[in-house]
Amino acid sequence: MQRLKERWGIQSNVQLVMIFVVFAVTGSSAAKLAEPVTNYLGITLENVNAWIYWPIRILLIFPIYQVLLVFFGFIFGQFRFFWNFEKKMLSRMGFGFLFRS
């Protein structure tokens, strides 16, 4: 845990627990919210092959997760950590141009 705290620049165990909680809540929420979105778009297992449905749903989870991560980070008082985390992750995925001035 100490190595993780050093790598992320975290000072306390409480902050580390808050970050873990944000990751857990965000993942669960994004997975849960993807279902109503796919239903709204008319993409259900009843009318679309599972080989098409699941990749679409996973692709929908990605942007939902990104937004919720910053949102829950804000709610739990860790906005700065998660905003920097988002910028770093998206830059590594080739979306760094979104954050340049």
C-alpha atoms as a PDB file:
ATOM      1  CA  MET A   1       0.000   0.000   0.000  1.00  0.00           C
ATOM      2  CA  GLN A   2       2.852   2.361   0.747  1.00  0.00           C
ATOM      3  CA  ARG A   3       4.192   2.032  -2.806  1.00  0.00           C
ATOM      4  CA  LEU A   4       0.766   2.828  -4.226  1.00  0.00           C
ATOM      5  CA  LYS A   5       0.446   5.870  -1.977  1.00  0.00           C
ATOM      6  CA  GLU A   6       3.847   7.102  -3.120  1.00  0.00           C
ATOM      7  CA  ARG A   7       3.082   6.479  -6.787  1.00  0.00           C
ATOM      8  CA  TRP A   8      -0.226   8.335  -6.610  1.00  0.00           C
ATOM      9  CA  GLY A   9       1.077  11.082  -4.304  1.00  0.00           C
ATOM     10  CA  ILE A  10      -1.383  10.238  -1.552  1.00  0.00           C
ATOM     11  CA  GLN A  11      -0.686  11.220   2.020  1.00  0.00           C
ATOM     12  CA  SER A  12      -3.149   9.223   4.123  1.00  0.00           C
ATOM     13  CA  ASN A  13      -4.811   5.842   4.289  1.00  0.00           C
ATOM     14  CA  VAL A  14      -8.188   7.572   4.448  1.00  0.00           C
ATOM     15  CA  GLN A  15      -7.550   9.208   1.078  1.00  0.00           C
ATOM     16  CA  LEU A  16      -6.500   5.837  -0.348  1.00  0.00           C
ATOM     17  CA  VAL A  17      -9.711   4.212   0.915  1.00  0.00           C
ATOM     18  CA  MET A  18     -11.774   7.048  -0.580  1.00  0.00           C
ATOM     19  CA  ILE A  19     -10.076   6.518  -3.953  1.00  0.00           C
ATOM     20  CA  PHE A  20     -10.776   2.771  -3.832  1.00  0.00           C
ATOM     21  CA  VAL A  21     -14.420   3.480  -2.960  1.00  0.00           C
ATOM     22  CA  VAL A  22     -14.715   5.879  -5.906  1.00  0.00           C
ATOM     23  CA  PHE A  23     -13.300   3.258  -8.281  1.00  0.00           C
ATOM     24  CA  ALA A  24     -15.726   0.632  -6.957  1.00  0.00           C
ATOM     25  CA  VAL A  25     -18.815   2.849  -7.053  1.00  0.00           C
ATOM     26  CA  THR A  26     -17.931   4.165 -10.503  1.00  0.00           C
ATOM     27  CA  GLY A  27     -17.441   0.723 -12.022  1.00  0.00           C
ATOM     28  CA  SER A  28     -20.681  -0.604 -10.614  1.00  0.00           C
ATOM     29  CA  SER A  29     -22.630   2.493 -11.614  1.00  0.00           C
ATOM     30  CA  ALA A  30     -21.275   2.563 -15.168  1.00  0.00           C
ATOM     31  CA  ALA A  31     -22.139  -1.093 -15.707  1.00  0.00           C
ATOM     32  CA  LYS A  32     -25.626  -0.534 -14.309  1.00  0.00           C
ATOM     33  CA  LEU A  33     -26.271   2.620 -16.373  1.00  0.00           C
ATOM     34  CA  ALA A  34     -25.245   0.966 -19.631  1.00  0.00           C
ATOM     35  CA  GLU A  35     -28.400  -1.190 -19.631  1.00  0.00           C
ATOM     36  CA  PRO A  36     -30.937   1.659 -19.772  1.00  0.00           C
ATOM     37  CA  VAL A  37     -28.838   3.393 -22.423  1.00  0.00           C
ATOM     38  CA  THR A  38     -28.788   0.305 -24.637  1.00  0.00           C
ATOM     39  CA  ASN A  39     -32.522  -0.186 -24.069  1.00  0.00           C
ATOM     40  CA  TYR A  40     -33.182   3.443 -25.033  1.00  0.00           C
ATOM     41  CA  LEU A  41     -31.190   2.917 -28.227  1.00  0.00           C
ATOM     42  CA  GLY A  42     -33.248  -0.192 -28.943  1.00  0.00           C
ATOM     43  CA  ILE A  43     -30.299  -2.535 -28.498  1.00  0.00           C
ATOM     44  CA  THR A  44     -31.418  -5.505 -26.424  1.00  0.00           C
ATOM     45  CA  LEU A  45     -30.494  -9.165 -26.316  1.00  0.00           C
ATOM     46  CA  GLU A  46     -33.954  -9.969 -27.689  1.00  0.00           C
ATOM     47  CA  ASN A  47     -33.427  -8.080 -30.946  1.00  0.00           C
ATOM     48  CA  VAL A  48     -29.626  -8.101 -31.404  1.00  0.00           C
ATOM     49  CA  ASN A  49     -27.189 -10.983 -31.485  1.00  0.00           C
ATOM     50  CA  ALA A  50     -25.154 -11.331 -28.266  1.00  0.00           C
ATOM     51  CA  TRP A  51     -21.919 -11.011 -30.296  1.00  0.00           C
ATOM     52  CA  ILE A  52     -23.048  -7.511 -31.261  1.00  0.00           C
ATOM     53  CA  TYR A  53     -24.885  -6.532 -28.059  1.00  0.00           C
ATOM     54  CA  TRP A  54     -22.011  -7.058 -25.599  1.00  0.00           C
ATOM     55  CA  PRO A  55     -19.310  -5.186 -27.523  1.00  0.00           C
ATOM     56  CA  ILE A  56     -21.714  -2.259 -27.979  1.00  0.00           C
ATOM     57  CA  ARG A  57     -22.569  -2.288 -24.290  1.00  0.00           C
ATOM     58  CA  ILE A  58     -18.900  -2.410 -23.303  1.00  0.00           C
ATOM     59  CA  LEU A  59     -18.159   0.497 -25.642  1.00  0.00           C
ATOM     60  CA  LEU A  60     -20.988   2.455 -23.998  1.00  0.00           C
ATOM     61  CA  ILE A  61     -19.620   1.739 -20.539  1.00  0.00           C
ATOM     62  CA  PHE A  62     -16.313   3.450 -21.371  1.00  0.00           C
ATOM     63  CA  PRO A  63     -17.557   7.067 -21.753  1.00  0.00           C
ATOM     64  CA  ILE A  64     -20.084   6.606 -18.949  1.00  0.00           C
ATOM     65  CA  TYR A  65     -17.241   5.434 -16.695  1.00  0.00           C
ATOM     66  CA  GLN A  66     -15.062   8.432 -17.575  1.00  0.00           C
ATOM     67  CA  VAL A  67     -17.767  10.925 -16.651  1.00  0.00           C
ATOM     68  CA  LEU A  68     -18.806   9.106 -13.491  1.00  0.00           C
ATOM     69  CA  LEU A  69     -15.210   8.753 -12.296  1.00  0.00           C
ATOM     70  CA  VAL A  70     -14.751  12.516 -12.168  1.00  0.00           C
ATOM     71  CA  PHE A  71     -18.274  13.006 -10.769  1.00  0.00           C
ATOM     72  CA  PHE A  72     -17.845  10.531  -7.895  1.00  0.00           C
ATOM     73  CA  GLY A  73     -14.320  11.824  -7.333  1.00  0.00           C
ATOM     74  CA  PHE A  74     -15.856  15.245  -6.778  1.00  0.00           C
ATOM     75  CA  ILE A  75     -18.562  13.855  -4.468  1.00  0.00           C
ATOM     76  CA  PHE A  76     -15.954  12.062  -2.352  1.00  0.00           C
ATOM     77  CA  GLY A  77     -13.611  15.064  -2.242  1.00  0.00           C
ATOM     78  CA  GLN A  78     -10.993  13.591  -4.573  1.00  0.00           C
ATOM     79  CA  PHE A  79     -11.689  15.630  -7.704  1.00  0.00           C
ATOM     80  CA  ARG A  80      -8.092  16.750  -8.258  1.00  0.00           C
ATOM     81  CA  PHE A  81      -6.763  13.182  -8.087  1.00  0.00           C
ATOM     82  CA  PHE A  82      -9.362  11.832 -10.509  1.00  0.00           C
ATOM     83  CA  TRP A  83      -9.133  14.772 -12.913  1.00  0.00           C
ATOM     84  CA  ASN A  84      -5.376  14.226 -13.175  1.00  0.00           C
ATOM     85  CA  PHE A  85      -5.970  10.476 -13.458  1.00  0.00           C
ATOM     86  CA  GLU A  86      -8.425  11.043 -16.338  1.00  0.00           C
ATOM     87  CA  LYS A  87      -6.080  13.383 -18.191  1.00  0.00           C
ATOM     88  CA  LYS A  88      -3.199  10.939 -17.875  1.00  0.00           C
ATOM     89  CA  MET A  89      -5.271   7.918 -18.927  1.00  0.00           C
ATOM     90  CA  LEU A  90      -6.922   9.618 -21.902  1.00  0.00           C
ATOM     91  CA  SER A  91      -3.591  11.064 -23.038  1.00  0.00           C
ATOM     92  CA  ARG A  92      -2.113   7.567 -23.077  1.00  0.00           C
ATOM     93  CA  MET A  93      -5.065   6.424 -25.188  1.00  0.00           C
ATOM     94  CA  GLY A  94      -4.420   9.142 -27.768  1.00  0.00           C
ATOM     95  CA  PHE A  95      -6.942  11.717 -26.549  1.00  0.00           C
ATOM     96  CA  GLY A  96      -4.349  14.097 -25.100  1.00  0.00           C
ATOM     97  CA  PHE A  97      -5.346  16.763 -27.617  1.00  0.00           C
ATOM     98  CA  LEU A  98      -8.518  17.300 -25.580  1.00  0.00           C
ATOM     99  CA  PHE A  99      -6.514  18.779 -22.707  1.00  0.00           C
ATOM    100  CA  ARG A 100      -4.056  21.032 -24.547  1.00  0.00           C
ATOM    101  CA  SER A 101      -4.611  24.765 -24.404  1.00  0.00           C
END
